[in-house]
Amino acid sequence: SWLASSSTSTPVGMPSRLQQIADARAADISVGAVAVSGGIVTMLLGAY
């Protein structure tokens, strides 16, 4: 129920706990994804 899209709104300026988890998790994943994609580009640059 909490995860589903809902008409229930959080207080203005106060993200919910799940929204904080989602944003922080995405930020952490993006760091790893940048490292992986950056590594691939680095190897391609070396080959070129």
Full PDB file with SEQRES, HELIX, SHEET, SSBOND, CRYST1, ORIGX, SCALE, CONECT and MASTER records, all heavy atoms in Angstrom:
SEQRES   1 A   48  SER TRP LEU ALA SER SER SER THR SER THR PRO VAL GLY          
SEQRES   2 A   48  MET PRO SER ARG LEU GLN GLN ILE ALA ASP ALA ARG ALA          
SEQRES   3 A   48  ALA ASP ILE SER VAL GLY ALA VAL ALA VAL SER GLY GLY          
SEQRES   4 A   48  ILE VAL THR MET LEU LEU GLY ALA TYR                          
HELIX    1 AA1 ARG A   17  ALA A   47  1                                  31    
CRYST1    1.000    1.000    1.000  90.00  90.00  90.00 P 1           1          
ORIGX1      1.000000  0.000000  0.000000        0.00000                         
ORIGX2      0.000000  1.000000  0.000000        0.00000                         
ORIGX3      0.000000  0.000000  1.000000        0.00000                         
SCALE1      1.000000  0.000000  0.000000        0.00000                         
SCALE2      0.000000  1.000000  0.000000        0.00000                         
SCALE3      0.000000  0.000000  1.000000        0.00000                         
ATOM      1  N   SER A   1       0.824  -1.203   0.000  1.00  0.00           N  
ATOM      2  CA  SER A   1       0.000   0.000   0.000  1.00  0.00           C  
ATOM      3  C   SER A   1       0.859   1.253   0.000  1.00  0.00           C  
ATOM      4  O   SER A   1       0.574   2.220  -0.717  1.00  0.00           O  
ATOM      5  CB  SER A   1      -0.932   0.002   1.215  1.00  0.00           C  
ATOM      6  OG  SER A   1      -1.704   1.183   1.255  1.00  0.00           O  
ATOM      7  N   TRP A   2       1.919   1.249   0.780  1.00  0.00           N  
ATOM      8  CA  TRP A   2       2.822   2.415   0.818  1.00  0.00           C  
ATOM      9  C   TRP A   2       3.571   2.567  -0.495  1.00  0.00           C  
ATOM     10  O   TRP A   2       3.844   3.692  -0.938  1.00  0.00           O  
ATOM     11  CB  TRP A   2       3.818   2.264   1.957  1.00  0.00           C  
ATOM     12  CG  TRP A   2       3.305   2.521   3.342  1.00  0.00           C  
ATOM     13  CD1 TRP A   2       3.387   1.677   4.407  1.00  0.00           C  
ATOM     14  CD2 TRP A   2       2.669   3.706   3.833  1.00  0.00           C  
ATOM     15  NE1 TRP A   2       2.829   2.240   5.533  1.00  0.00           N  
ATOM     16  CE2 TRP A   2       2.387   3.496   5.206  1.00  0.00           C  
ATOM     17  CE3 TRP A   2       2.285   4.915   3.255  1.00  0.00           C  
ATOM     18  CZ2 TRP A   2       1.753   4.463   6.002  1.00  0.00           C  
ATOM     19  CZ3 TRP A   2       1.658   5.870   4.045  1.00  0.00           C  
ATOM     20  CH2 TRP A   2       1.397   5.647   5.389  1.00  0.00           C  
ATOM     21  N   LEU A   3       3.930   1.448  -1.120  1.00  0.00           N  
ATOM     22  CA  LEU A   3       4.718   1.503  -2.350  1.00  0.00           C  
ATOM     23  C   LEU A   3       3.889   1.923  -3.558  1.00  0.00           C  
ATOM     24  O   LEU A   3       4.427   2.498  -4.506  1.00  0.00           O  
ATOM     25  CB  LEU A   3       5.342   0.134  -2.640  1.00  0.00           C  
ATOM     26  CG  LEU A   3       6.504  -0.306  -1.743  1.00  0.00           C  
ATOM     27  CD1 LEU A   3       6.844  -1.765  -2.001  1.00  0.00           C  
ATOM     28  CD2 LEU A   3       7.722   0.573  -1.958  1.00  0.00           C  
ATOM     29  N   ALA A   4       2.594   1.634  -3.522  1.00  0.00           N  
ATOM     30  CA  ALA A   4       1.743   1.939  -4.671  1.00  0.00           C  
ATOM     31  C   ALA A   4       1.573   3.434  -4.830  1.00  0.00           C  
ATOM     32  O   ALA A   4       1.666   4.206  -3.882  1.00  0.00           O  
ATOM     33  CB  ALA A   4       0.386   1.260  -4.499  1.00  0.00           C  
ATOM     34  N   SER A   5       1.348   3.853  -6.082  1.00  0.00           N  
ATOM     35  CA  SER A   5       1.038   5.253  -6.328  1.00  0.00           C  
ATOM     36  C   SER A   5      -0.241   5.590  -5.583  1.00  0.00           C  
ATOM     37  O   SER A   5      -1.225   4.855  -5.638  1.00  0.00           O  
ATOM     38  CB  SER A   5       0.849   5.497  -7.826  1.00  0.00           C  
ATOM     39  OG  SER A   5       2.040   5.195  -8.523  1.00  0.00           O  
ATOM     40  N   SER A   6      -0.235   6.686  -4.877  1.00  0.00           N  
ATOM     41  CA  SER A   6      -1.362   7.020  -4.015  1.00  0.00           C  
ATOM     42  C   SER A   6      -1.677   8.493  -4.099  1.00  0.00           C  
ATOM     43  O   SER A   6      -0.820   9.323  -4.385  1.00  0.00           O  
ATOM     44  CB  SER A   6      -1.041   6.629  -2.568  1.00  0.00           C  
ATOM     45  OG  SER A   6      -2.034   7.102  -1.681  1.00  0.00           O  
ATOM     46  N   SER A   7      -2.921   8.807  -3.837  1.00  0.00           N  
ATOM     47  CA  SER A   7      -3.322  10.211  -3.787  1.00  0.00           C  
ATOM     48  C   SER A   7      -2.933  10.855  -2.477  1.00  0.00           C  
ATOM     49  O   SER A   7      -3.005  12.068  -2.317  1.00  0.00           O  
ATOM     50  CB  SER A   7      -4.840  10.324  -3.992  1.00  0.00           C  
ATOM     51  OG  SER A   7      -5.528   9.606  -2.983  1.00  0.00           O  
ATOM     52  N   THR A   8      -2.521  10.022  -1.521  1.00  0.00           N  
ATOM     53  CA  THR A   8      -2.095  10.562  -0.241  1.00  0.00           C  
ATOM     54  C   THR A   8      -0.819  11.369  -0.425  1.00  0.00           C  
ATOM     55  O   THR A   8       0.133  10.916  -1.046  1.00  0.00           O  
ATOM     56  CB  THR A   8      -1.829   9.414   0.762  1.00  0.00           C  
ATOM     57  OG1 THR A   8      -3.007   8.633   0.881  1.00  0.00           O  
ATOM     58  CG2 THR A   8      -1.437   9.981   2.117  1.00  0.00           C  
ATOM     59  N   SER A   9      -0.798  12.555   0.104  1.00  0.00           N  
ATOM     60  CA  SER A   9       0.373  13.422  -0.056  1.00  0.00           C  
ATOM     61  C   SER A   9       1.100  13.572   1.256  1.00  0.00           C  
ATOM     62  O   SER A   9       0.509  13.476   2.333  1.00  0.00           O  
ATOM     63  CB  SER A   9      -0.050  14.808  -0.569  1.00  0.00           C  
ATOM     64  OG  SER A   9      -0.969  15.409   0.329  1.00  0.00           O  
ATOM     65  N   THR A  10       2.394  13.786   1.163  1.00  0.00           N  
ATOM     66  CA  THR A  10       3.198  14.009   2.358  1.00  0.00           C  
ATOM     67  C   THR A  10       3.171  15.491   2.701  1.00  0.00           C  
ATOM     68  O   THR A  10       2.836  16.326   1.868  1.00  0.00           O  
ATOM     69  CB  THR A  10       4.653  13.567   2.124  1.00  0.00           C  
ATOM     70  OG1 THR A  10       5.173  14.307   1.014  1.00  0.00           O  
ATOM     71  CG2 THR A  10       4.726  12.087   1.822  1.00  0.00           C  
ATOM     72  N   PRO A  11       3.518  15.830   3.927  1.00  0.00           N  
ATOM     73  CA  PRO A  11       3.581  17.244   4.293  1.00  0.00           C  
ATOM     74  C   PRO A  11       4.512  18.026   3.370  1.00  0.00           C  
ATOM     75  O   PRO A  11       5.508  17.489   2.894  1.00  0.00           O  
ATOM     76  CB  PRO A  11       4.116  17.205   5.725  1.00  0.00           C  
ATOM     77  CG  PRO A  11       3.745  15.853   6.240  1.00  0.00           C  
ATOM     78  CD  PRO A  11       3.816  14.941   5.055  1.00  0.00           C  
ATOM     79  N   VAL A  12       4.184  19.258   3.101  1.00  0.00           N  
ATOM     80  CA  VAL A  12       4.975  20.086   2.194  1.00  0.00           C  
ATOM     81  C   VAL A  12       6.417  20.178   2.684  1.00  0.00           C  
ATOM     82  O   VAL A  12       6.677  20.491   3.848  1.00  0.00           O  
ATOM     83  CB  VAL A  12       4.363  21.491   2.091  1.00  0.00           C  
ATOM     84  CG1 VAL A  12       5.234  22.377   1.205  1.00  0.00           C  
ATOM     85  CG2 VAL A  12       2.945  21.414   1.542  1.00  0.00           C  
ATOM     86  N   GLY A  13       7.352  19.892   1.775  1.00  0.00           N  
ATOM     87  CA  GLY A  13       8.763  20.000   2.114  1.00  0.00           C  
ATOM     88  C   GLY A  13       9.320  18.844   2.906  1.00  0.00           C  
ATOM     89  O   GLY A  13      10.482  18.870   3.308  1.00  0.00           O  
ATOM     90  N   MET A  14       8.518  17.806   3.141  1.00  0.00           N  
ATOM     91  CA  MET A  14       8.984  16.673   3.934  1.00  0.00           C  
ATOM     92  C   MET A  14       8.792  15.382   3.146  1.00  0.00           C  
ATOM     93  O   MET A  14       7.697  14.839   3.087  1.00  0.00           O  
ATOM     94  CB  MET A  14       8.209  16.590   5.253  1.00  0.00           C  
ATOM     95  CG  MET A  14       8.603  15.399   6.129  1.00  0.00           C  
ATOM     96  SD  MET A  14      10.333  15.447   6.638  1.00  0.00           S  
ATOM     97  CE  MET A  14      10.314  16.905   7.680  1.00  0.00           C  
ATOM     98  N   PRO A  15       9.835  14.875   2.478  1.00  0.00           N  
ATOM     99  CA  PRO A  15       9.701  13.614   1.744  1.00  0.00           C  
ATOM    100  C   PRO A  15       9.455  12.461   2.699  1.00  0.00           C  
ATOM    101  O   PRO A  15       9.897  12.479   3.853  1.00  0.00           O  
ATOM    102  CB  PRO A  15      11.057  13.478   1.042  1.00  0.00           C  
ATOM    103  CG  PRO A  15      11.998  14.271   1.884  1.00  0.00           C  
ATOM    104  CD  PRO A  15      11.200  15.422   2.418  1.00  0.00           C  
ATOM    105  N   SER A  16       8.736  11.466   2.211  1.00  0.00           N  
ATOM    106  CA  SER A  16       8.474  10.301   3.045  1.00  0.00           C  
ATOM    107  C   SER A  16       9.737   9.451   3.177  1.00  0.00           C  
ATOM    108  O   SER A  16      10.706   9.620   2.434  1.00  0.00           O  
ATOM    109  CB  SER A  16       7.350   9.460   2.434  1.00  0.00           C  
ATOM    110  OG  SER A  16       7.795   8.830   1.237  1.00  0.00           O  
ATOM    111  N   ARG A  17       9.689   8.526   4.112  1.00  0.00           N  
ATOM    112  CA  ARG A  17      10.811   7.619   4.327  1.00  0.00           C  
ATOM    113  C   ARG A  17      11.103   6.819   3.052  1.00  0.00           C  
ATOM    114  O   ARG A  17      12.260   6.674   2.652  1.00  0.00           O  
ATOM    115  CB  ARG A  17      10.484   6.683   5.485  1.00  0.00           C  
ATOM    116  CG  ARG A  17      11.402   5.478   5.648  1.00  0.00           C  
ATOM    117  CD  ARG A  17      12.798   5.859   6.005  1.00  0.00           C  
ATOM    118  NE  ARG A  17      13.596   4.678   6.308  1.00  0.00           N  
ATOM    119  CZ  ARG A  17      14.911   4.669   6.387  1.00  0.00           C  
ATOM    120  NH1 ARG A  17      15.598   5.789   6.181  1.00  0.00           N  
ATOM    121  NH2 ARG A  17      15.561   3.558   6.682  1.00  0.00           N  
ATOM    122  N   LEU A  18      10.065   6.321   2.386  1.00  0.00           N  
ATOM    123  CA  LEU A  18      10.280   5.539   1.173  1.00  0.00           C  
ATOM    124  C   LEU A  18      10.848   6.394   0.048  1.00  0.00           C  
ATOM    125  O   LEU A  18      11.676   5.925  -0.735  1.00  0.00           O  
ATOM    126  CB  LEU A  18       8.967   4.894   0.725  1.00  0.00           C  
ATOM    127  CG  LEU A  18       8.493   3.681   1.534  1.00  0.00           C  
ATOM    128  CD1 LEU A  18       7.145   3.204   1.033  1.00  0.00           C  
ATOM    129  CD2 LEU A  18       9.511   2.549   1.489  1.00  0.00           C  
ATOM    130  N   GLN A  19      10.425   7.638  -0.047  1.00  0.00           N  
ATOM    131  CA  GLN A  19      10.984   8.531  -1.056  1.00  0.00           C  
ATOM    132  C   GLN A  19      12.459   8.792  -0.789  1.00  0.00           C  
ATOM    133  O   GLN A  19      13.269   8.842  -1.719  1.00  0.00           O  
ATOM    134  CB  GLN A  19      10.197   9.844  -1.068  1.00  0.00           C  
ATOM    135  CG  GLN A  19       8.795   9.710  -1.616  1.00  0.00           C  
ATOM    136  CD  GLN A  19       7.937  10.938  -1.391  1.00  0.00           C  
ATOM    137  OE1 GLN A  19       8.358  11.895  -0.745  1.00  0.00           O  
ATOM    138  NE2 GLN A  19       6.716  10.922  -1.910  1.00  0.00           N  
ATOM    139  N   GLN A  20      12.821   8.946   0.476  1.00  0.00           N  
ATOM    140  CA  GLN A  20      14.227   9.131   0.831  1.00  0.00           C  
ATOM    141  C   GLN A  20      15.044   7.894   0.476  1.00  0.00           C  
ATOM    142  O   GLN A  20      16.158   7.999  -0.047  1.00  0.00           O  
ATOM    143  CB  GLN A  20      14.354   9.448   2.322  1.00  0.00           C  
ATOM    144  CG  GLN A  20      13.811  10.810   2.721  1.00  0.00           C  
ATOM    145  CD  GLN A  20      13.883  11.051   4.223  1.00  0.00           C  
ATOM    146  OE1 GLN A  20      13.825  10.108   5.020  1.00  0.00           O  
ATOM    147  NE2 GLN A  20      13.990  12.308   4.612  1.00  0.00           N  
ATOM    148  N   ILE A  21      14.495   6.720   0.760  1.00  0.00           N  
ATOM    149  CA  ILE A  21      15.194   5.473   0.428  1.00  0.00           C  
ATOM    150  C   ILE A  21      15.384   5.366  -1.088  1.00  0.00           C  
ATOM    151  O   ILE A  21      16.477   5.031  -1.567  1.00  0.00           O  
ATOM    152  CB  ILE A  21      14.413   4.250   0.950  1.00  0.00           C  
ATOM    153  CG1 ILE A  21      14.466   4.195   2.481  1.00  0.00           C  
ATOM    154  CG2 ILE A  21      14.974   2.953   0.357  1.00  0.00           C  
ATOM    155  CD1 ILE A  21      13.628   3.074   3.078  1.00  0.00           C  
ATOM    156  N   ALA A  22      14.326   5.654  -1.839  1.00  0.00           N  
ATOM    157  CA  ALA A  22      14.400   5.548  -3.299  1.00  0.00           C  
ATOM    158  C   ALA A  22      15.454   6.489  -3.871  1.00  0.00           C  
ATOM    159  O   ALA A  22      16.267   6.091  -4.722  1.00  0.00           O  
ATOM    160  CB  ALA A  22      13.030   5.846  -3.910  1.00  0.00           C  
ATOM    161  N   ASP A  23      15.458   7.737  -3.421  1.00  0.00           N  
ATOM    162  CA  ASP A  23      16.413   8.716  -3.951  1.00  0.00           C  
ATOM    163  C   ASP A  23      17.850   8.372  -3.566  1.00  0.00           C  
ATOM    164  O   ASP A  23      18.765   8.467  -4.390  1.00  0.00           O  
ATOM    165  CB  ASP A  23      16.057  10.114  -3.444  1.00  0.00           C  
ATOM    166  CG  ASP A  23      14.759  10.631  -4.050  1.00  0.00           C  
ATOM    167  OD1 ASP A  23      14.339  10.099  -5.086  1.00  0.00           O  
ATOM    168  OD2 ASP A  23      14.159  11.562  -3.474  1.00  0.00           O  
ATOM    169  N   ALA A  24      18.057   7.987  -2.303  1.00  0.00           N  
ATOM    170  CA  ALA A  24      19.408   7.643  -1.852  1.00  0.00           C  
ATOM    171  C   ALA A  24      19.907   6.370  -2.538  1.00  0.00           C  
ATOM    172  O   ALA A  24      21.076   6.276  -2.923  1.00  0.00           O  
ATOM    173  CB  ALA A  24      19.423   7.471  -0.332  1.00  0.00           C  
ATOM    174  N   ARG A  25      19.015   5.392  -2.693  1.00  0.00           N  
ATOM    175  CA  ARG A  25      19.388   4.149  -3.377  1.00  0.00           C  
ATOM    176  C   ARG A  25      19.774   4.434  -4.821  1.00  0.00           C  
ATOM    177  O   ARG A  25      20.765   3.899  -5.331  1.00  0.00           O  
ATOM    178  CB  ARG A  25      18.219   3.164  -3.315  1.00  0.00           C  
ATOM    179  CG  ARG A  25      18.444   1.845  -4.051  1.00  0.00           C  
ATOM    180  CD  ARG A  25      17.253   0.913  -3.833  1.00  0.00           C  
ATOM    181  NE  ARG A  25      17.417  -0.342  -4.556  1.00  0.00           N  
ATOM    182  CZ  ARG A  25      17.011  -0.540  -5.801  1.00  0.00           C  
ATOM    183  NH1 ARG A  25      16.404   0.447  -6.457  1.00  0.00           N  
ATOM    184  NH2 ARG A  25      17.199  -1.705  -6.390  1.00  0.00           N  
ATOM    185  N   ALA A  26      18.996   5.274  -5.499  1.00  0.00           N  
ATOM    186  CA  ALA A  26      19.306   5.624  -6.884  1.00  0.00           C  
ATOM    187  C   ALA A  26      20.635   6.357  -6.988  1.00  0.00           C  
ATOM    188  O   ALA A  26      21.417   6.133  -7.922  1.00  0.00           O  
ATOM    189  CB  ALA A  26      18.184   6.480  -7.473  1.00  0.00           C  
ATOM    190  N   ALA A  27      20.906   7.239  -6.025  1.00  0.00           N  
ATOM    191  CA  ALA A  27      22.182   7.959  -6.032  1.00  0.00           C  
ATOM    192  C   ALA A  27      23.353   6.987  -5.881  1.00  0.00           C  
ATOM    193  O   ALA A  27      24.374   7.112  -6.567  1.00  0.00           O  
ATOM    194  CB  ALA A  27      22.202   9.001  -4.916  1.00  0.00           C  
ATOM    195  N   ASP A  28      23.205   6.005  -4.976  1.00  0.00           N  
ATOM    196  CA  ASP A  28      24.266   5.016  -4.780  1.00  0.00           C  
ATOM    197  C   ASP A  28      24.443   4.141  -6.022  1.00  0.00           C  
ATOM    198  O   ASP A  28      25.566   3.827  -6.428  1.00  0.00           O  
ATOM    199  CB  ASP A  28      23.949   4.137  -3.566  1.00  0.00           C  
ATOM    200  CG  ASP A  28      24.036   4.903  -2.250  1.00  0.00           C  
ATOM    201  OD1 ASP A  28      24.592   6.016  -2.246  1.00  0.00           O  
ATOM    202  OD2 ASP A  28      23.533   4.389  -1.234  1.00  0.00           O  
ATOM    203  N   ILE A  29      23.326   3.746  -6.639  1.00  0.00           N  
ATOM    204  CA  ILE A  29      23.403   2.938  -7.852  1.00  0.00           C  
ATOM    205  C   ILE A  29      24.054   3.725  -8.981  1.00  0.00           C  
ATOM    206  O   ILE A  29      24.848   3.180  -9.766  1.00  0.00           O  
ATOM    207  CB  ILE A  29      21.994   2.457  -8.264  1.00  0.00           C  
ATOM    208  CG1 ILE A  29      21.478   1.417  -7.272  1.00  0.00           C  
ATOM    209  CG2 ILE A  29      22.011   1.871  -9.677  1.00  0.00           C  
ATOM    210  CD1 ILE A  29      20.059   0.959  -7.528  1.00  0.00           C  
ATOM    211  N   SER A  30      23.738   5.010  -9.072  1.00  0.00           N  
ATOM    212  CA  SER A  30      24.303   5.823 -10.152  1.00  0.00           C  
ATOM    213  C   SER A  30      25.822   5.916 -10.046  1.00  0.00           C  
ATOM    214  O   SER A  30      26.508   5.963 -11.066  1.00  0.00           O  
ATOM    215  CB  SER A  30      23.681   7.222 -10.146  1.00  0.00           C  
ATOM    216  OG  SER A  30      24.078   7.965  -9.009  1.00  0.00           O  
ATOM    217  N   VAL A  31      26.350   5.927  -8.825  1.00  0.00           N  
ATOM    218  CA  VAL A  31      27.808   5.963  -8.658  1.00  0.00           C  
ATOM    219  C   VAL A  31      28.437   4.700  -9.242  1.00  0.00           C  
ATOM    220  O   VAL A  31      29.430   4.756  -9.983  1.00  0.00           O  
ATOM    221  CB  VAL A  31      28.181   6.111  -7.169  1.00  0.00           C  
ATOM    222  CG1 VAL A  31      29.692   5.985  -6.978  1.00  0.00           C  
ATOM    223  CG2 VAL A  31      27.707   7.458  -6.634  1.00  0.00           C  
ATOM    224  N   GLY A  32      27.845   3.555  -8.922  1.00  0.00           N  
ATOM    225  CA  GLY A  32      28.359   2.307  -9.476  1.00  0.00           C  
ATOM    226  C   GLY A  32      28.210   2.240 -10.984  1.00  0.00           C  
ATOM    227  O   GLY A  32      29.111   1.767 -11.686  1.00  0.00           O  
ATOM    228  N   ALA A  33      27.079   2.713 -11.495  1.00  0.00           N  
ATOM    229  CA  ALA A  33      26.851   2.686 -12.938  1.00  0.00           C  
ATOM    230  C   ALA A  33      27.819   3.596 -13.675  1.00  0.00           C  
ATOM    231  O   ALA A  33      28.306   3.254 -14.765  1.00  0.00           O  
ATOM    232  CB  ALA A  33      25.411   3.098 -13.234  1.00  0.00           C  
ATOM    233  N   VAL A  34      28.118   4.750 -13.089  1.00  0.00           N  
ATOM    234  CA  VAL A  34      29.092   5.657 -13.697  1.00  0.00           C  
ATOM    235  C   VAL A  34      30.473   5.015 -13.724  1.00  0.00           C  
ATOM    236  O   VAL A  34      31.217   5.139 -14.705  1.00  0.00           O  
ATOM    237  CB  VAL A  34      29.123   6.999 -12.940  1.00  0.00           C  
ATOM    238  CG1 VAL A  34      30.342   7.822 -13.341  1.00  0.00           C  
ATOM    239  CG2 VAL A  34      27.852   7.789 -13.218  1.00  0.00           C  
ATOM    240  N   ALA A  35      30.838   4.322 -12.639  1.00  0.00           N  
ATOM    241  CA  ALA A  35      32.139   3.654 -12.604  1.00  0.00           C  
ATOM    242  C   ALA A  35      32.228   2.568 -13.679  1.00  0.00           C  
ATOM    243  O   ALA A  35      33.238   2.448 -14.380  1.00  0.00           O  
ATOM    244  CB  ALA A  35      32.386   3.055 -11.216  1.00  0.00           C  
ATOM    245  N   VAL A  36      31.171   1.777 -13.819  1.00  0.00           N  
ATOM    246  CA  VAL A  36      31.173   0.712 -14.830  1.00  0.00           C  
ATOM    247  C   VAL A  36      31.243   1.295 -16.242  1.00  0.00           C  
ATOM    248  O   VAL A  36      32.083   0.887 -17.063  1.00  0.00           O  
ATOM    249  CB  VAL A  36      29.918  -0.173 -14.694  1.00  0.00           C  
ATOM    250  CG1 VAL A  36      29.806  -1.130 -15.884  1.00  0.00           C  
ATOM    251  CG2 VAL A  36      29.971  -0.967 -13.399  1.00  0.00           C  
ATOM    252  N   SER A  37      30.360   2.243 -16.547  1.00  0.00           N  
ATOM    253  CA  SER A  37      30.354   2.826 -17.883  1.00  0.00           C  
ATOM    254  C   SER A  37      31.626   3.622 -18.158  1.00  0.00           C  
ATOM    255  O   SER A  37      32.157   3.603 -19.274  1.00  0.00           O  
ATOM    256  CB  SER A  37      29.126   3.715 -18.072  1.00  0.00           C  
ATOM    257  OG  SER A  37      29.028   4.682 -17.040  1.00  0.00           O  
ATOM    258  N   GLY A  38      32.150   4.295 -17.127  1.00  0.00           N  
ATOM    259  CA  GLY A  38      33.410   5.005 -17.287  1.00  0.00           C  
ATOM    260  C   GLY A  38      34.564   4.054 -17.560  1.00  0.00           C  
ATOM    261  O   GLY A  38      35.472   4.358 -18.346  1.00  0.00           O  
ATOM    262  N   GLY A  39      34.541   2.899 -16.909  1.00  0.00           N  
ATOM    263  CA  GLY A  39      35.578   1.902 -17.157  1.00  0.00           C  
ATOM    264  C   GLY A  39      35.522   1.367 -18.577  1.00  0.00           C  
ATOM    265  O   GLY A  39      36.557   1.162 -19.223  1.00  0.00           O  
ATOM    266  N   ILE A  40      34.306   1.143 -19.075  1.00  0.00           N  
ATOM    267  CA  ILE A  40      34.155   0.661 -20.447  1.00  0.00           C  
ATOM    268  C   ILE A  40      34.675   1.693 -21.446  1.00  0.00           C  
ATOM    269  O   ILE A  40      35.389   1.362 -22.405  1.00  0.00           O  
ATOM    270  CB  ILE A  40      32.679   0.320 -20.727  1.00  0.00           C  
ATOM    271  CG1 ILE A  40      32.243  -0.872 -19.875  1.00  0.00           C  
ATOM    272  CG2 ILE A  40      32.471   0.017 -22.209  1.00  0.00           C  
ATOM    273  CD1 ILE A  40      30.761  -1.177 -19.945  1.00  0.00           C  
ATOM    274  N   VAL A  41      34.330   2.955 -21.214  1.00  0.00           N  
ATOM    275  CA  VAL A  41      34.810   4.021 -22.104  1.00  0.00           C  
ATOM    276  C   VAL A  41      36.331   4.117 -22.046  1.00  0.00           C  
ATOM    277  O   VAL A  41      36.995   4.333 -23.073  1.00  0.00           O  
ATOM    278  CB  VAL A  41      34.164   5.375 -21.725  1.00  0.00           C  
ATOM    279  CG1 VAL A  41      34.830   6.523 -22.476  1.00  0.00           C  
ATOM    280  CG2 VAL A  41      32.671   5.346 -22.028  1.00  0.00           C  
ATOM    281  N   THR A  42      36.901   3.956 -20.864  1.00  0.00           N  
ATOM    282  CA  THR A  42      38.358   4.007 -20.721  1.00  0.00           C  
ATOM    283  C   THR A  42      39.030   2.894 -21.529  1.00  0.00           C  
ATOM    284  O   THR A  42      40.040   3.128 -22.211  1.00  0.00           O  
ATOM    285  CB  THR A  42      38.751   3.879 -19.240  1.00  0.00           C  
ATOM    286  OG1 THR A  42      38.161   4.953 -18.496  1.00  0.00           O  
ATOM    287  CG2 THR A  42      40.266   3.926 -19.063  1.00  0.00           C  
ATOM    288  N   MET A  43      38.472   1.702 -21.479  1.00  0.00           N  
ATOM    289  CA  MET A  43      39.034   0.591 -22.263  1.00  0.00           C  
ATOM    290  C   MET A  43      38.885   0.841 -23.763  1.00  0.00           C  
ATOM    291  O   MET A  43      39.798   0.540 -24.544  1.00  0.00           O  
ATOM    292  CB  MET A  43      38.365  -0.721 -21.858  1.00  0.00           C  
ATOM    293  CG  MET A  43      38.754  -1.197 -20.459  1.00  0.00           C  
ATOM    294  SD  MET A  43      38.131  -2.851 -20.046  1.00  0.00           S  
ATOM    295  CE  MET A  43      36.404  -2.476 -19.713  1.00  0.00           C  
ATOM    296  N   LEU A  44      37.743   1.398 -24.165  1.00  0.00           N  
ATOM    297  CA  LEU A  44      37.555   1.721 -25.578  1.00  0.00           C  
ATOM    298  C   LEU A  44      38.541   2.789 -26.043  1.00  0.00           C  
ATOM    299  O   LEU A  44      39.066   2.727 -27.162  1.00  0.00           O  
ATOM    300  CB  LEU A  44      36.120   2.209 -25.812  1.00  0.00           C  
ATOM    301  CG  LEU A  44      35.017   1.154 -25.693  1.00  0.00           C  
ATOM    302  CD1 LEU A  44      33.648   1.812 -25.817  1.00  0.00           C  
ATOM    303  CD2 LEU A  44      35.194   0.075 -26.756  1.00  0.00           C  
ATOM    304  N   LEU A  45      38.788   3.767 -25.170  1.00  0.00           N  
ATOM    305  CA  LEU A  45      39.754   4.805 -25.501  1.00  0.00           C  
ATOM    306  C   LEU A  45      41.145   4.208 -25.697  1.00  0.00           C  
ATOM    307  O   LEU A  45      41.872   4.571 -26.634  1.00  0.00           O  
ATOM    308  CB  LEU A  45      39.792   5.863 -24.394  1.00  0.00           C  
ATOM    309  CG  LEU A  45      40.852   6.966 -24.542  1.00  0.00           C  
ATOM    310  CD1 LEU A  45      40.643   7.731 -25.835  1.00  0.00           C  
ATOM    311  CD2 LEU A  45      40.811   7.902 -23.333  1.00  0.00           C  
ATOM    312  N   GLY A  46      41.524   3.283 -24.814  1.00  0.00           N  
ATOM    313  CA  GLY A  46      42.821   2.630 -24.960  1.00  0.00           C  
ATOM    314  C   GLY A  46      42.935   1.863 -26.263  1.00  0.00           C  
ATOM    315  O   GLY A  46      43.965   1.917 -26.947  1.00  0.00           O  
ATOM    316  N   ALA A  47      41.854   1.172 -26.627  1.00  0.00           N  
ATOM    317  CA  ALA A  47      41.865   0.413 -27.875  1.00  0.00           C  
ATOM    318  C   ALA A  47      41.952   1.347 -29.084  1.00  0.00           C  
ATOM    319  O   ALA A  47      42.712   1.099 -30.025  1.00  0.00           O  
ATOM    320  CB  ALA A  47      40.607  -0.447 -27.961  1.00  0.00           C  
ATOM    321  N   TYR A  48      41.188   2.429 -29.060  1.00  0.00           N  
ATOM    322  CA  TYR A  48      41.213   3.388 -30.167  1.00  0.00           C  
ATOM    323  C   TYR A  48      42.588   4.020 -30.307  1.00  0.00           C  
ATOM    324  O   TYR A  48      43.118   4.157 -31.418  1.00  0.00           O  
ATOM    325  CB  TYR A  48      40.150   4.465 -29.920  1.00  0.00           C  
ATOM    326  CG  TYR A  48      40.004   5.454 -31.056  1.00  0.00           C  
ATOM    327  CD1 TYR A  48      39.127   5.208 -32.102  1.00  0.00           C  
ATOM    328  CD2 TYR A  48      40.748   6.634 -31.079  1.00  0.00           C  
ATOM    329  CE1 TYR A  48      38.986   6.103 -33.150  1.00  0.00           C  
ATOM    330  CE2 TYR A  48      40.621   7.540 -32.123  1.00  0.00           C  
ATOM    331  CZ  TYR A  48      39.738   7.270 -33.153  1.00  0.00           C  
ATOM    332  OH  TYR A  48      39.617   8.172 -34.192  1.00  0.00           O  
TER     333      TYR A  48                                                      
MASTER        0    0    0    1    0    0    0    6  332    1    0    4          
END                                                                             
